[in-house]
Amino acid sequence: MTSTKRVLLYFIGLLAAALLLFAGYTWAMLHISYSDGERAGYLQKFSSRGWICKTWEGEILLTSMPGAIPEKFEFSVREEAIAQALTAATGKRVILTYAQHKGVPSQCFGETEYYVTKVQVQP
């Protein structure tokens, strides 16, 4: 085997290993959550945005005390059924169950690190 072929095979092997490591890291960051929790508030905005990778992004206003300035909680949604439920709930009080995923390598999975897994619309 010539040295040119050996270098080419070595380069292809290194590239394949790097791609496998990146894919494994991405899978782990999307499937292993750093924290889980719930947030309740009024759904202020929810939309699909992005140039190439369209993601569902939203924002709720968390109300703590009457007269206090509400805090915003920004989140992403990956499931279409949850996105439809949130679209119908704009302006209403909702309880969001979420999982926090730190270190996701691209905004193609969502612009925030908080991914909503369940939504409850309050009457």
PDB file of N, CA and C in Angstrom:
ATOM      1  N   MET A   1       0.848  -1.167   0.000  1.00  0.00           N
ATOM      2  CA  MET A   1       0.000   0.000   0.000  1.00  0.00           C
ATOM      3  C   MET A   1       0.902   1.241   0.000  1.00  0.00           C
ATOM      4  N   THR A   2       0.546   2.172  -0.835  1.00  0.00           N
ATOM      5  CA  THR A   2       1.370   3.378  -0.923  1.00  0.00           C
ATOM      6  C   THR A   2       1.072   4.308   0.260  1.00  0.00           C
ATOM      7  N   SER A   3       2.007   5.187   0.490  1.00  0.00           N
ATOM      8  CA  SER A   3       1.861   6.098   1.628  1.00  0.00           C
ATOM      9  C   SER A   3       0.702   7.078   1.402  1.00  0.00           C
ATOM     10  N   THR A   4       0.386   7.424   0.168  1.00  0.00           N
ATOM     11  CA  THR A   4      -0.736   8.325  -0.119  1.00  0.00           C
ATOM     12  C   THR A   4      -2.056   7.669   0.274  1.00  0.00           C
ATOM     13  N   LYS A   5      -2.214   6.380  -0.053  1.00  0.00           N
ATOM     14  CA  LYS A   5      -3.427   5.661   0.316  1.00  0.00           C
ATOM     15  C   LYS A   5      -3.532   5.512   1.829  1.00  0.00           C
ATOM     16  N   ARG A   6      -2.419   5.271   2.474  1.00  0.00           N
ATOM     17  CA  ARG A   6      -2.405   5.109   3.920  1.00  0.00           C
ATOM     18  C   ARG A   6      -2.814   6.416   4.608  1.00  0.00           C
ATOM     19  N   VAL A   7      -2.311   7.531   4.141  1.00  0.00           N
ATOM     20  CA  VAL A   7      -2.658   8.840   4.704  1.00  0.00           C
ATOM     21  C   VAL A   7      -4.132   9.136   4.473  1.00  0.00           C
ATOM     22  N   LEU A   8      -4.632   8.805   3.291  1.00  0.00           N
ATOM     23  CA  LEU A   8      -6.038   9.031   2.967  1.00  0.00           C
ATOM     24  C   LEU A   8      -6.947   8.183   3.869  1.00  0.00           C
ATOM     25  N   LEU A   9      -6.608   6.916   4.063  1.00  0.00           N
ATOM     26  CA  LEU A   9      -7.391   6.049   4.942  1.00  0.00           C
ATOM     27  C   LEU A   9      -7.331   6.539   6.388  1.00  0.00           C
ATOM     28  N   TYR A  10      -6.184   6.987   6.826  1.00  0.00           N
ATOM     29  CA  TYR A  10      -6.023   7.528   8.168  1.00  0.00           C
ATOM     30  C   TYR A  10      -6.902   8.767   8.348  1.00  0.00           C
ATOM     31  N   PHE A  11      -6.905   9.650   7.360  1.00  0.00           N
ATOM     32  CA  PHE A  11      -7.712  10.866   7.407  1.00  0.00           C
ATOM     33  C   PHE A  11      -9.204  10.529   7.437  1.00  0.00           C
ATOM     34  N   ILE A  12      -9.646   9.591   6.620  1.00  0.00           N
ATOM     35  CA  ILE A  12     -11.058   9.188   6.594  1.00  0.00           C
ATOM     36  C   ILE A  12     -11.453   8.563   7.932  1.00  0.00           C
ATOM     37  N   GLY A  13     -10.595   7.752   8.504  1.00  0.00           N
ATOM     38  CA  GLY A  13     -10.870   7.154   9.809  1.00  0.00           C
ATOM     39  C   GLY A  13     -10.980   8.198  10.903  1.00  0.00           C
ATOM     40  N   LEU A  14     -10.091   9.183  10.886  1.00  0.00           N
ATOM     41  CA  LEU A  14     -10.139  10.263  11.866  1.00  0.00           C
ATOM     42  C   LEU A  14     -11.419  11.081  11.721  1.00  0.00           C
ATOM     43  N   LEU A  15     -11.809  11.367  10.483  1.00  0.00           N
ATOM     44  CA  LEU A  15     -13.030  12.125  10.219  1.00  0.00           C
ATOM     45  C   LEU A  15     -14.258  11.345  10.693  1.00  0.00           C
ATOM     46  N   ALA A  16     -14.296  10.038  10.427  1.00  0.00           N
ATOM     47  CA  ALA A  16     -15.421   9.201  10.868  1.00  0.00           C
ATOM     48  C   ALA A  16     -15.486   9.157  12.394  1.00  0.00           C
ATOM     49  N   ALA A  17     -14.356   9.051  13.058  1.00  0.00           N
ATOM     50  CA  ALA A  17     -14.331   9.021  14.521  1.00  0.00           C
ATOM     51  C   ALA A  17     -14.818  10.351  15.100  1.00  0.00           C
ATOM     52  N   ALA A  18     -14.408  11.459  14.500  1.00  0.00           N
ATOM     53  CA  ALA A  18     -14.841  12.777  14.974  1.00  0.00           C
ATOM     54  C   ALA A  18     -16.346  12.940  14.800  1.00  0.00           C
ATOM     55  N   LEU A  19     -16.890  12.488  13.672  1.00  0.00           N
ATOM     56  CA  LEU A  19     -18.331  12.578  13.438  1.00  0.00           C
ATOM     57  C   LEU A  19     -19.103  11.710  14.429  1.00  0.00           C
ATOM     58  N   LEU A  20     -18.598  10.524  14.717  1.00  0.00           N
ATOM     59  CA  LEU A  20     -19.257   9.649  15.689  1.00  0.00           C
ATOM     60  C   LEU A  20     -19.236  10.257  17.091  1.00  0.00           C
ATOM     61  N   LEU A  21     -18.122  10.842  17.478  1.00  0.00           N
ATOM     62  CA  LEU A  21     -18.029  11.503  18.779  1.00  0.00           C
ATOM     63  C   LEU A  21     -18.997  12.684  18.880  1.00  0.00           C
ATOM     64  N   PHE A  22     -19.084  13.473  17.824  1.00  0.00           N
ATOM     65  CA  PHE A  22     -19.995  14.616  17.798  1.00  0.00           C
ATOM     66  C   PHE A  22     -21.451  14.150  17.865  1.00  0.00           C
ATOM     67  N   ALA A  23     -21.792  13.112  17.113  1.00  0.00           N
ATOM     68  CA  ALA A  23     -23.157  12.570  17.137  1.00  0.00           C
ATOM     69  C   ALA A  23     -23.493  12.012  18.516  1.00  0.00           C
ATOM     70  N   GLY A  24     -22.557  11.317  19.144  1.00  0.00           N
ATOM     71  CA  GLY A  24     -22.779  10.786  20.482  1.00  0.00           C
ATOM     72  C   GLY A  24     -22.957  11.886  21.514  1.00  0.00           C
ATOM     73  N   TYR A  25     -22.155  12.922  21.427  1.00  0.00           N
ATOM     74  CA  TYR A  25     -22.258  14.054  22.341  1.00  0.00           C
ATOM     75  C   TYR A  25     -23.611  14.748  22.177  1.00  0.00           C
ATOM     76  N   THR A  26     -24.020  14.984  20.927  1.00  0.00           N
ATOM     77  CA  THR A  26     -25.297  15.636  20.657  1.00  0.00           C
ATOM     78  C   THR A  26     -26.448  14.805  21.215  1.00  0.00           C
ATOM     79  N   TRP A  27     -26.414  13.487  20.978  1.00  0.00           N
ATOM     80  CA  TRP A  27     -27.468  12.609  21.481  1.00  0.00           C
ATOM     81  C   TRP A  27     -27.532  12.686  23.006  1.00  0.00           C
ATOM     82  N   ALA A  28     -26.387  12.634  23.658  1.00  0.00           N
ATOM     83  CA  ALA A  28     -26.349  12.671  25.119  1.00  0.00           C
ATOM     84  C   ALA A  28     -26.896  13.991  25.655  1.00  0.00           C
ATOM     85  N   MET A  29     -26.543  15.114  25.053  1.00  0.00           N
ATOM     86  CA  MET A  29     -27.008  16.410  25.530  1.00  0.00           C
ATOM     87  C   MET A  29     -28.511  16.587  25.343  1.00  0.00           C
ATOM     88  N   LEU A  30     -29.087  15.943  24.321  1.00  0.00           N
ATOM     89  CA  LEU A  30     -30.523  16.059  24.078  1.00  0.00           C
ATOM     90  C   LEU A  30     -31.347  15.064  24.895  1.00  0.00           C
ATOM     91  N   HIS A  31     -30.743  14.001  25.376  1.00  0.00           N
ATOM     92  CA  HIS A  31     -31.498  12.964  26.076  1.00  0.00           C
ATOM     93  C   HIS A  31     -31.215  12.877  27.578  1.00  0.00           C
ATOM     94  N   ILE A  32     -30.185  13.524  28.046  1.00  0.00           N
ATOM     95  CA  ILE A  32     -29.877  13.525  29.474  1.00  0.00           C
ATOM     96  C   ILE A  32     -30.108  14.942  29.984  1.00  0.00           C
ATOM     97  N   SER A  33     -31.083  15.090  30.878  1.00  0.00           N
ATOM     98  CA  SER A  33     -31.412  16.444  31.328  1.00  0.00           C
ATOM     99  C   SER A  33     -30.591  16.825  32.556  1.00  0.00           C
ATOM    100  N   TYR A  34     -30.235  18.080  32.605  1.00  0.00           N
ATOM    101  CA  TYR A  34     -29.498  18.651  33.736  1.00  0.00           C
ATOM    102  C   TYR A  34     -30.447  18.879  34.907  1.00  0.00           C
ATOM    103  N   SER A  35     -31.645  19.393  34.593  1.00  0.00           N
ATOM    104  CA  SER A  35     -32.660  19.597  35.627  1.00  0.00           C
ATOM    105  C   SER A  35     -34.039  19.494  35.002  1.00  0.00           C
ATOM    106  N   ASP A  36     -35.030  19.233  35.840  1.00  0.00           N
ATOM    107  CA  ASP A  36     -36.425  19.156  35.423  1.00  0.00           C
ATOM    108  C   ASP A  36     -37.237  20.031  36.364  1.00  0.00           C
ATOM    109  N   GLY A  37     -38.352  20.557  35.867  1.00  0.00           N
ATOM    110  CA  GLY A  37     -39.175  21.374  36.743  1.00  0.00           C
ATOM    111  C   GLY A  37     -40.441  21.838  36.073  1.00  0.00           C
ATOM    112  N   GLU A  38     -41.139  22.721  36.760  1.00  0.00           N
ATOM    113  CA  GLU A  38     -42.372  23.314  36.250  1.00  0.00           C
ATOM    114  C   GLU A  38     -42.325  24.813  36.450  1.00  0.00           C
ATOM    115  N   ARG A  39     -42.943  25.512  35.531  1.00  0.00           N
ATOM    116  CA  ARG A  39     -43.101  26.962  35.634  1.00  0.00           C
ATOM    117  C   ARG A  39     -44.536  27.289  35.257  1.00  0.00           C
ATOM    118  N   ALA A  40     -45.130  28.233  35.951  1.00  0.00           N
ATOM    119  CA  ALA A  40     -46.498  28.656  35.676  1.00  0.00           C
ATOM    120  C   ALA A  40     -46.506  30.146  35.380  1.00  0.00           C
ATOM    121  N   GLY A  41     -47.315  30.528  34.416  1.00  0.00           N
ATOM    122  CA  GLY A  41     -47.430  31.933  34.064  1.00  0.00           C
ATOM    123  C   GLY A  41     -48.326  32.121  32.863  1.00  0.00           C
ATOM    124  N   TYR A  42     -48.351  33.330  32.364  1.00  0.00           N
ATOM    125  CA  TYR A  42     -49.185  33.659  31.213  1.00  0.00           C
ATOM    126  C   TYR A  42     -48.355  33.602  29.942  1.00  0.00           C
ATOM    127  N   LEU A  43     -48.852  32.845  28.975  1.00  0.00           N
ATOM    128  CA  LEU A  43     -48.138  32.682  27.705  1.00  0.00           C
ATOM    129  C   LEU A  43     -48.212  33.982  26.928  1.00  0.00           C
ATOM    130  N   GLN A  44     -47.079  34.657  26.815  1.00  0.00           N
ATOM    131  CA  GLN A  44     -47.036  35.967  26.180  1.00  0.00           C
ATOM    132  C   GLN A  44     -46.805  35.856  24.684  1.00  0.00           C
ATOM    133  N   LYS A  45     -45.839  35.015  24.280  1.00  0.00           N
ATOM    134  CA  LYS A  45     -45.612  34.849  22.841  1.00  0.00           C
ATOM    135  C   LYS A  45     -45.108  33.447  22.559  1.00  0.00           C
ATOM    136  N   PHE A  46     -45.441  32.983  21.368  1.00  0.00           N
ATOM    137  CA  PHE A  46     -45.049  31.655  20.934  1.00  0.00           C
ATOM    138  C   PHE A  46     -45.010  31.654  19.416  1.00  0.00           C
ATOM    139  N   SER A  47     -43.873  31.275  18.842  1.00  0.00           N
ATOM    140  CA  SER A  47     -43.753  31.324  17.384  1.00  0.00           C
ATOM    141  C   SER A  47     -42.709  30.342  16.885  1.00  0.00           C
ATOM    142  N   SER A  48     -42.807  30.066  15.604  1.00  0.00           N
ATOM    143  CA  SER A  48     -41.813  29.249  14.914  1.00  0.00           C
ATOM    144  C   SER A  48     -40.841  30.220  14.263  1.00  0.00           C
ATOM    145  N   ARG A  49     -39.547  30.057  14.562  1.00  0.00           N
ATOM    146  CA  ARG A  49     -38.591  31.005  13.987  1.00  0.00           C
ATOM    147  C   ARG A  49     -37.278  30.326  13.625  1.00  0.00           C
ATOM    148  N   GLY A  50     -36.512  31.022  12.816  1.00  0.00           N
ATOM    149  CA  GLY A  50     -35.219  30.537  12.379  1.00  0.00           C
ATOM    150  C   GLY A  50     -35.097  30.620  10.867  1.00  0.00           C
ATOM    151  N   TRP A  51     -33.869  30.802  10.374  1.00  0.00           N
ATOM    152  CA  TRP A  51     -33.634  30.890   8.933  1.00  0.00           C
ATOM    153  C   TRP A  51     -33.612  29.504   8.301  1.00  0.00           C
ATOM    154  N   ILE A  52     -32.755  28.671   8.784  1.00  0.00           N
ATOM    155  CA  ILE A  52     -32.596  27.335   8.202  1.00  0.00           C
ATOM    156  C   ILE A  52     -33.305  26.305   9.074  1.00  0.00           C
ATOM    157  N   CYS A  53     -33.022  26.323  10.345  1.00  0.00           N
ATOM    158  CA  CYS A  53     -33.629  25.377  11.299  1.00  0.00           C
ATOM    159  C   CYS A  53     -34.792  26.070  11.987  1.00  0.00           C
ATOM    160  N   LYS A  54     -36.011  25.721  11.634  1.00  0.00           N
ATOM    161  CA  LYS A  54     -37.195  26.294  12.269  1.00  0.00           C
ATOM    162  C   LYS A  54     -37.398  25.632  13.627  1.00  0.00           C
ATOM    163  N   THR A  55     -37.507  26.436  14.670  1.00  0.00           N
ATOM    164  CA  THR A  55     -37.753  25.932  16.016  1.00  0.00           C
ATOM    165  C   THR A  55     -38.928  26.690  16.617  1.00  0.00           C
ATOM    166  N   TRP A  56     -39.618  26.056  17.548  1.00  0.00           N
ATOM    167  CA  TRP A  56     -40.711  26.689  18.271  1.00  0.00           C
ATOM    168  C   TRP A  56     -40.136  27.321  19.531  1.00  0.00           C
ATOM    169  N   GLU A  57     -40.336  28.621  19.676  1.00  0.00           N
ATOM    170  CA  GLU A  57     -39.806  29.369  20.816  1.00  0.00           C
ATOM    171  C   GLU A  57     -40.934  30.158  21.469  1.00  0.00           C
ATOM    172  N   GLY A  58     -40.913  30.219  22.797  1.00  0.00           N
ATOM    173  CA  GLY A  58     -41.967  30.932  23.495  1.00  0.00           C
ATOM    174  C   GLY A  58     -41.475  31.619  24.741  1.00  0.00           C
ATOM    175  N   GLU A  59     -42.415  32.332  25.354  1.00  0.00           N
ATOM    176  CA  GLU A  59     -42.090  33.117  26.545  1.00  0.00           C
ATOM    177  C   GLU A  59     -43.341  33.214  27.411  1.00  0.00           C
ATOM    178  N   ILE A  60     -43.174  32.921  28.697  1.00  0.00           N
ATOM    179  CA  ILE A  60     -44.270  33.140  29.636  1.00  0.00           C
ATOM    180  C   ILE A  60     -43.837  34.181  30.662  1.00  0.00           C
ATOM    181  N   LEU A  61     -44.831  34.889  31.197  1.00  0.00           N
ATOM    182  CA  LEU A  61     -44.579  35.856  32.266  1.00  0.00           C
ATOM    183  C   LEU A  61     -44.920  35.180  33.573  1.00  0.00           C
ATOM    184  N   LEU A  62     -43.934  35.067  34.444  1.00  0.00           N
ATOM    185  CA  LEU A  62     -44.126  34.455  35.750  1.00  0.00           C
ATOM    186  C   LEU A  62     -44.596  35.536  36.712  1.00  0.00           C
ATOM    187  N   THR A  63     -45.719  35.308  37.334  1.00  0.00           N
ATOM    188  CA  THR A  63     -46.236  36.291  38.278  1.00  0.00           C
ATOM    189  C   THR A  63     -46.001  35.780  39.688  1.00  0.00           C
ATOM    190  N   SER A  64     -45.397  36.604  40.514  1.00  0.00           N
ATOM    191  CA  SER A  64     -45.104  36.191  41.878  1.00  0.00           C
ATOM    192  C   SER A  64     -46.006  36.908  42.875  1.00  0.00           C
ATOM    193  N   MET A  65     -45.985  38.207  42.849  1.00  0.00           N
ATOM    194  CA  MET A  65     -46.774  39.011  43.792  1.00  0.00           C
ATOM    195  C   MET A  65     -47.504  40.084  42.991  1.00  0.00           C
ATOM    196  N   PRO A  66     -48.714  40.429  43.396  1.00  0.00           N
ATOM    197  CA  PRO A  66     -49.410  41.525  42.713  1.00  0.00           C
ATOM    198  C   PRO A  66     -48.607  42.813  42.819  1.00  0.00           C
ATOM    199  N   GLY A  67     -48.464  43.496  41.718  1.00  0.00           N
ATOM    200  CA  GLY A  67     -47.727  44.745  41.679  1.00  0.00           C
ATOM    201  C   GLY A  67     -46.241  44.590  41.398  1.00  0.00           C
ATOM    202  N   ALA A  68     -45.717  43.363  41.472  1.00  0.00           N
ATOM    203  CA  ALA A  68     -44.296  43.129  41.199  1.00  0.00           C
ATOM    204  C   ALA A  68     -44.079  43.015  39.689  1.00  0.00           C
ATOM    205  N   ILE A  69     -42.891  43.334  39.272  1.00  0.00           N
ATOM    206  CA  ILE A  69     -42.549  43.216  37.855  1.00  0.00           C
ATOM    207  C   ILE A  69     -42.402  41.723  37.529  1.00  0.00           C
ATOM    208  N   PRO A  70     -43.170  41.239  36.540  1.00  0.00           N
ATOM    209  CA  PRO A  70     -43.095  39.802  36.231  1.00  0.00           C
ATOM    210  C   PRO A  70     -41.764  39.425  35.581  1.00  0.00           C
ATOM    211  N   GLU A  71     -41.339  38.229  35.887  1.00  0.00           N
ATOM    212  CA  GLU A  71     -40.117  37.674  35.304  1.00  0.00           C
ATOM    213  C   GLU A  71     -40.488  36.888  34.053  1.00  0.00           C
ATOM    214  N   LYS A  72     -39.632  36.934  33.043  1.00  0.00           N
ATOM    215  CA  LYS A  72     -39.879  36.187  31.805  1.00  0.00           C
ATOM    216  C   LYS A  72     -39.163  34.838  31.861  1.00  0.00           C
ATOM    217  N   PHE A  73     -39.813  33.827  31.317  1.00  0.00           N
ATOM    218  CA  PHE A  73     -39.209  32.501  31.186  1.00  0.00           C
ATOM    219  C   PHE A  73     -39.291  32.120  29.707  1.00  0.00           C
ATOM    220  N   GLU A  74     -38.130  32.040  29.070  1.00  0.00           N
ATOM    221  CA  GLU A  74     -38.075  31.677  27.650  1.00  0.00           C
ATOM    222  C   GLU A  74     -37.821  30.190  27.529  1.00  0.00           C
ATOM    223  N   PHE A  75     -38.470  29.559  26.533  1.00  0.00           N
ATOM    224  CA  PHE A  75     -38.394  28.110  26.379  1.00  0.00           C
ATOM    225  C   PHE A  75     -38.473  27.717  24.911  1.00  0.00           C
ATOM    226  N   SER A  76     -38.126  26.465  24.645  1.00  0.00           N
ATOM    227  CA  SER A  76     -38.203  25.884  23.309  1.00  0.00           C
ATOM    228  C   SER A  76     -39.106  24.656  23.358  1.00  0.00           C
ATOM    229  N   VAL A  77     -39.681  24.319  22.214  1.00  0.00           N
ATOM    230  CA  VAL A  77     -40.541  23.144  22.098  1.00  0.00           C
ATOM    231  C   VAL A  77     -40.057  22.327  20.908  1.00  0.00           C
ATOM    232  N   ARG A  78     -39.917  21.011  21.104  1.00  0.00           N
ATOM    233  CA  ARG A  78     -39.460  20.133  20.033  1.00  0.00           C
ATOM    234  C   ARG A  78     -40.577  19.256  19.477  1.00  0.00           C
ATOM    235  N   GLU A  79     -41.672  19.106  20.209  1.00  0.00           N
ATOM    236  CA  GLU A  79     -42.760  18.221  19.785  1.00  0.00           C
ATOM    237  C   GLU A  79     -43.911  19.024  19.190  1.00  0.00           C
ATOM    238  N   GLU A  80     -44.407  18.571  18.053  1.00  0.00           N
ATOM    239  CA  GLU A  80     -45.462  19.281  17.326  1.00  0.00           C
ATOM    240  C   GLU A  80     -46.771  19.345  18.123  1.00  0.00           C
ATOM    241  N   ALA A  81     -47.133  18.281  18.842  1.00  0.00           N
ATOM    242  CA  ALA A  81     -48.380  18.273  19.621  1.00  0.00           C
ATOM    243  C   ALA A  81     -48.356  19.337  20.720  1.00  0.00           C
ATOM    244  N   ILE A  82     -47.209  19.491  21.376  1.00  0.00           N
ATOM    245  CA  ILE A  82     -47.077  20.522  22.413  1.00  0.00           C
ATOM    246  C   ILE A  82     -47.119  21.908  21.784  1.00  0.00           C
ATOM    247  N   ALA A  83     -46.519  22.065  20.607  1.00  0.00           N
ATOM    248  CA  ALA A  83     -46.541  23.352  19.908  1.00  0.00           C
ATOM    249  C   ALA A  83     -47.970  23.744  19.546  1.00  0.00           C
ATOM    250  N   GLN A  84     -48.769  22.798  19.107  1.00  0.00           N
ATOM    251  CA  GLN A  84     -50.169  23.099  18.770  1.00  0.00           C
ATOM    252  C   GLN A  84     -50.963  23.499  20.009  1.00  0.00           C
ATOM    253  N   ALA A  85     -50.722  22.792  21.123  1.00  0.00           N
ATOM    254  CA  ALA A  85     -51.422  23.128  22.366  1.00  0.00           C
ATOM    255  C   ALA A  85     -51.043  24.530  22.844  1.00  0.00           C
ATOM    256  N   LEU A  86     -49.786  24.890  22.722  1.00  0.00           N
ATOM    257  CA  LEU A  86     -49.342  26.215  23.145  1.00  0.00           C
ATOM    258  C   LEU A  86     -49.849  27.306  22.210  1.00  0.00           C
ATOM    259  N   THR A  87     -49.925  27.020  20.926  1.00  0.00           N
ATOM    260  CA  THR A  87     -50.461  28.005  19.982  1.00  0.00           C
ATOM    261  C   THR A  87     -51.902  28.348  20.349  1.00  0.00           C
ATOM    262  N   ALA A  88     -52.676  27.356  20.743  1.00  0.00           N
ATOM    263  CA  ALA A  88     -54.072  27.580  21.125  1.00  0.00           C
ATOM    264  C   ALA A  88     -54.189  28.279  22.474  1.00  0.00           C
ATOM    265  N   ALA A  89     -53.138  28.244  23.288  1.00  0.00           N
ATOM    266  CA  ALA A  89     -53.196  28.801  24.643  1.00  0.00           C
ATOM    267  C   ALA A  89     -52.592  30.193  24.768  1.00  0.00           C
ATOM    268  N   THR A  90     -52.270  30.849  23.682  1.00  0.00           N
ATOM    269  CA  THR A  90     -51.650  32.175  23.750  1.00  0.00           C
ATOM    270  C   THR A  90     -52.537  33.141  24.532  1.00  0.00           C
ATOM    271  N   GLY A  91     -51.943  33.810  25.525  1.00  0.00           N
ATOM    272  CA  GLY A  91     -52.666  34.754  26.360  1.00  0.00           C
ATOM    273  C   GLY A  91     -53.279  34.134  27.596  1.00  0.00           C
ATOM    274  N   LYS A  92     -53.232  32.825  27.714  1.00  0.00           N
ATOM    275  CA  LYS A  92     -53.826  32.134  28.859  1.00  0.00           C
ATOM    276  C   LYS A  92     -52.755  31.741  29.869  1.00  0.00           C
ATOM    277  N   ARG A  93     -53.200  31.397  31.072  1.00  0.00           N
ATOM    278  CA  ARG A  93     -52.283  30.919  32.107  1.00  0.00           C
ATOM    279  C   ARG A  93     -51.986  29.448  31.850  1.00  0.00           C
ATOM    280  N   VAL A  94     -50.711  29.094  31.851  1.00  0.00           N
ATOM    281  CA  VAL A  94     -50.291  27.724  31.575  1.00  0.00           C
ATOM    282  C   VAL A  94     -49.300  27.256  32.638  1.00  0.00           C
ATOM    283  N   ILE A  95     -49.219  25.939  32.787  1.00  0.00           N
ATOM    284  CA  ILE A  95     -48.183  25.319  33.603  1.00  0.00           C
ATOM    285  C   ILE A  95     -47.332  24.486  32.659  1.00  0.00           C
ATOM    286  N   LEU A  96     -46.043  24.816  32.584  1.00  0.00           N
ATOM    287  CA  LEU A  96     -45.122  24.126  31.686  1.00  0.00           C
ATOM    288  C   LEU A  96     -44.226  23.193  32.485  1.00  0.00           C
ATOM    289  N   THR A  97     -44.155  21.946  32.052  1.00  0.00           N
ATOM    290  CA  THR A  97     -43.181  21.007  32.594  1.00  0.00           C
ATOM    291  C   THR A  97     -42.023  21.007  31.614  1.00  0.00           C
ATOM    292  N   TYR A  98     -40.804  21.163  32.113  1.00  0.00           N
ATOM    293  CA  TYR A  98     -39.660  21.301  31.222  1.00  0.00           C
ATOM    294  C   TYR A  98     -38.479  20.465  31.689  1.00  0.00           C
ATOM    295  N   ALA A  99     -37.556  20.266  30.766  1.00  0.00           N
ATOM    296  CA  ALA A  99     -36.264  19.641  31.058  1.00  0.00           C
ATOM    297  C   ALA A  99     -35.190  20.602  30.560  1.00  0.00           C
ATOM    298  N   GLN A 100     -34.189  20.835  31.387  1.00  0.00           N
ATOM    299  CA  GLN A 100     -33.088  21.727  31.010  1.00  0.00           C
ATOM    300  C   GLN A 100     -31.949  20.871  30.456  1.00  0.00           C
ATOM    301  N   HIS A 101     -31.511  21.221  29.243  1.00  0.00           N
ATOM    302  CA  HIS A 101     -30.419  20.501  28.584  1.00  0.00           C
ATOM    303  C   HIS A 101     -29.290  21.482  28.304  1.00  0.00           C
ATOM    304  N   LYS A 102     -28.242  21.405  29.104  1.00  0.00           N
ATOM    305  CA  LYS A 102     -27.076  22.281  28.918  1.00  0.00           C
ATOM    306  C   LYS A 102     -26.139  21.681  27.883  1.00  0.00           C
ATOM    307  N   GLY A 103     -25.490  22.524  27.102  1.00  0.00           N
ATOM    308  CA  GLY A 103     -24.447  22.081  26.191  1.00  0.00           C
ATOM    309  C   GLY A 103     -24.910  21.540  24.854  1.00  0.00           C
ATOM    310  N   VAL A 104     -26.164  21.802  24.462  1.00  0.00           N
ATOM    311  CA  VAL A 104     -26.625  21.356  23.142  1.00  0.00           C
ATOM    312  C   VAL A 104     -25.840  22.153  22.102  1.00  0.00           C
ATOM    313  N   PRO A 105     -25.186  21.465  21.139  1.00  0.00           N
ATOM    314  CA  PRO A 105     -24.217  22.141  20.284  1.00  0.00           C
ATOM    315  C   PRO A 105     -24.766  23.034  19.174  1.00  0.00           C
ATOM    316  N   SER A 106     -26.062  23.072  18.959  1.00  0.00           N
ATOM    317  CA  SER A 106     -26.584  23.865  17.855  1.00  0.00           C
ATOM    318  C   SER A 106     -27.929  24.456  18.231  1.00  0.00           C
ATOM    319  N   GLN A 107     -28.268  25.592  17.635  1.00  0.00           N
ATOM    320  CA  GLN A 107     -29.581  26.183  17.859  1.00  0.00           C
ATOM    321  C   GLN A 107     -30.637  25.539  16.972  1.00  0.00           C
ATOM    322  N   CYS A 108     -30.263  24.540  16.189  1.00  0.00           N
ATOM    323  CA  CYS A 108     -31.239  23.821  15.364  1.00  0.00           C
ATOM    324  C   CYS A 108     -32.186  22.982  16.220  1.00  0.00           C
ATOM    325  N   PHE A 109     -31.855  22.757  17.489  1.00  0.00           N
ATOM    326  CA  PHE A 109     -32.706  21.992  18.392  1.00  0.00           C
ATOM    327  C   PHE A 109     -33.529  22.905  19.289  1.00  0.00           C
ATOM    328  N   GLY A 110     -33.245  24.176  19.273  1.00  0.00           N
ATOM    329  CA  GLY A 110     -33.944  25.157  20.096  1.00  0.00           C
ATOM    330  C   GLY A 110     -32.988  26.249  20.511  1.00  0.00           C
ATOM    331  N   GLU A 111     -33.500  27.463  20.658  1.00  0.00           N
ATOM    332  CA  GLU A 111     -32.651  28.600  20.993  1.00  0.00           C
ATOM    333  C   GLU A 111     -32.343  28.694  22.486  1.00  0.00           C
ATOM    334  N   THR A 112     -33.145  28.019  23.321  1.00  0.00           N
ATOM    335  CA  THR A 112     -32.908  28.060  24.761  1.00  0.00           C
ATOM    336  C   THR A 112     -32.473  26.674  25.225  1.00  0.00           C
ATOM    337  N   GLU A 113     -32.116  26.575  26.491  1.00  0.00           N
ATOM    338  CA  GLU A 113     -31.741  25.269  27.036  1.00  0.00           C
ATOM    339  C   GLU A 113     -32.906  24.628  27.784  1.00  0.00           C
ATOM    340  N   TYR A 114     -34.082  25.276  27.763  1.00  0.00           N
ATOM    341  CA  TYR A 114     -35.269  24.750  28.436  1.00  0.00           C
ATOM    342  C   TYR A 114     -36.235  24.203  27.387  1.00  0.00           C
ATOM    343  N   TYR A 115     -36.493  22.887  27.427  1.00  0.00           N
ATOM    344  CA  TYR A 115     -37.371  22.227  26.458  1.00  0.00           C
ATOM    345  C   TYR A 115     -38.639  21.762  27.164  1.00  0.00           C
ATOM    346  N   VAL A 116     -39.781  22.267  26.708  1.00  0.00           N
ATOM    347  CA  VAL A 116     -41.059  21.925  27.319  1.00  0.00           C
ATOM    348  C   VAL A 116     -41.447  20.504  26.922  1.00  0.00           C
ATOM    349  N   THR A 117     -41.831  19.702  27.936  1.00  0.00           N
ATOM    350  CA  THR A 117     -42.227  18.315  27.697  1.00  0.00           C
ATOM    351  C   THR A 117     -43.723  18.093  27.923  1.00  0.00           C
ATOM    352  N   LYS A 118     -44.381  19.055  28.600  1.00  0.00           N
ATOM    353  CA  LYS A 118     -45.811  18.924  28.872  1.00  0.00           C
ATOM    354  C   LYS A 118     -46.381  20.308  29.141  1.00  0.00           C
ATOM    355  N   VAL A 119     -47.629  20.518  28.723  1.00  0.00           N
ATOM    356  CA  VAL A 119     -48.286  21.796  28.961  1.00  0.00           C
ATOM    357  C   VAL A 119     -49.685  21.535  29.520  1.00  0.00           C
ATOM    358  N   GLN A 120     -50.066  22.352  30.531  1.00  0.00           N
ATOM    359  CA  GLN A 120     -51.409  22.324  31.089  1.00  0.00           C
ATOM    360  C   GLN A 120     -51.964  23.729  31.022  1.00  0.00           C
ATOM    361  N   VAL A 121     -53.129  23.882  30.393  1.00  0.00           N
ATOM    362  CA  VAL A 121     -53.775  25.192  30.297  1.00  0.00           C
ATOM    363  C   VAL A 121     -54.695  25.332  31.498  1.00  0.00           C
ATOM    364  N   GLN A 122     -54.539  26.423  32.236  1.00  0.00           N
ATOM    365  CA  GLN A 122     -55.364  26.689  33.423  1.00  0.00           C
ATOM    366  C   GLN A 122     -56.632  27.407  33.013  1.00  0.00           C
ATOM    367  N   PRO A 123     -57.747  27.095  33.688  1.00  0.00           N
ATOM    368  CA  PRO A 123     -59.027  27.765  33.347  1.00  0.00           C
ATOM    369  C   PRO A 123     -59.043  29.213  33.779  1.00  0.00           C
TER     370      PRO A 123
END
